[in-house]
Amino acid sequence: MLQQTPVARVEPVWRQWMSRWPTPAALAASAPGEAVHAWGTLGYPRRSLRLHAAAVVMVSRHGGTVPDTLPDLLSLPGVGAYTAAAVSSFAFGMRATVVDTNVRRVLARVVNGVAQAAPTLTPAETALATALLPEAADVARTWNVAVMELGALVCTARSPRCQACPVRDLCAWQQASRPAYEGPPRRSQSWQGTDRQCRGAILAVLRASTGPLAAGAVDAAWPADEAQRDRCLDSLVTDGLVERLARGGFRLPGR
């Protein structure tokens, strides 16, 4: 849930989710559409299907428990290097390099003296983060949390609170008088009128329904552009987020 989504948005959904599905087996026993429905407006809804699929794999291969090794974690649907490292470190106390957007920004400023990290994660950034990671696993876990929180709360992307920073005297960016970012252009993601907004509108109508909807009801979710709506609906079906029924209606998968 925390992939590309702030904690403040995730926490209420996470609490509801864990109350309903406290174990992987509980989630795996529900239809995938229930996971899509419970995901709400967190965005990137394919993550909900991957989380459901991961729960199914945990039940079939790991006795219903979250695996505690990096290879097994990486074999789960939707789990990449960041998520596997975070679970290894925070859940199981293993020494693992956790690199998210906040960590990248802190290291870019404190160590490299630049305002922002590169647009995408580079091998050099991962190598730097690993080189700085304390050797002791318990200290490494605290380090991971500390650097992530420093980036989230103090060394923010906009209006960093340098006066409150505990490592201000060590910061290469601060010592260089905080030079402006001069790297590749950073693209901002638009929303209004995009396929992402259209897909979200269609899913919102299906989530609000207690069962399948006729095609006309789904069409009403995005009446302005028929071609865009049909394209987005087809993509939702292809992604497994929506089921097209034989009689012409639509529903969330298995719901």
Foldseek 3Di string as FASTA:
>chain_A
DPVVFDPVVVVVLVVVVCVQPVFLVSLLPDFLLVQLLSCAPRAPSLVSSQSNQQSVCCVVPPVRHQDQDLVSQCVRGPDDQQNSQLCNQPVVLAQGQHDDLLLQQQCCFLPVQARHHPLDDDPVSSVVSSVPQDPHSNSSSVVNVVSSVCSVPASDSPPHNLVPRPCNVRTNNVVVVNDHHDDDDHDDDDAPPDLSVLLSLLSVQQSVDPWWDAPVSSCVSDVPDNVSNVVSVVVCVVSQQKPQDPVHIIHGGPD
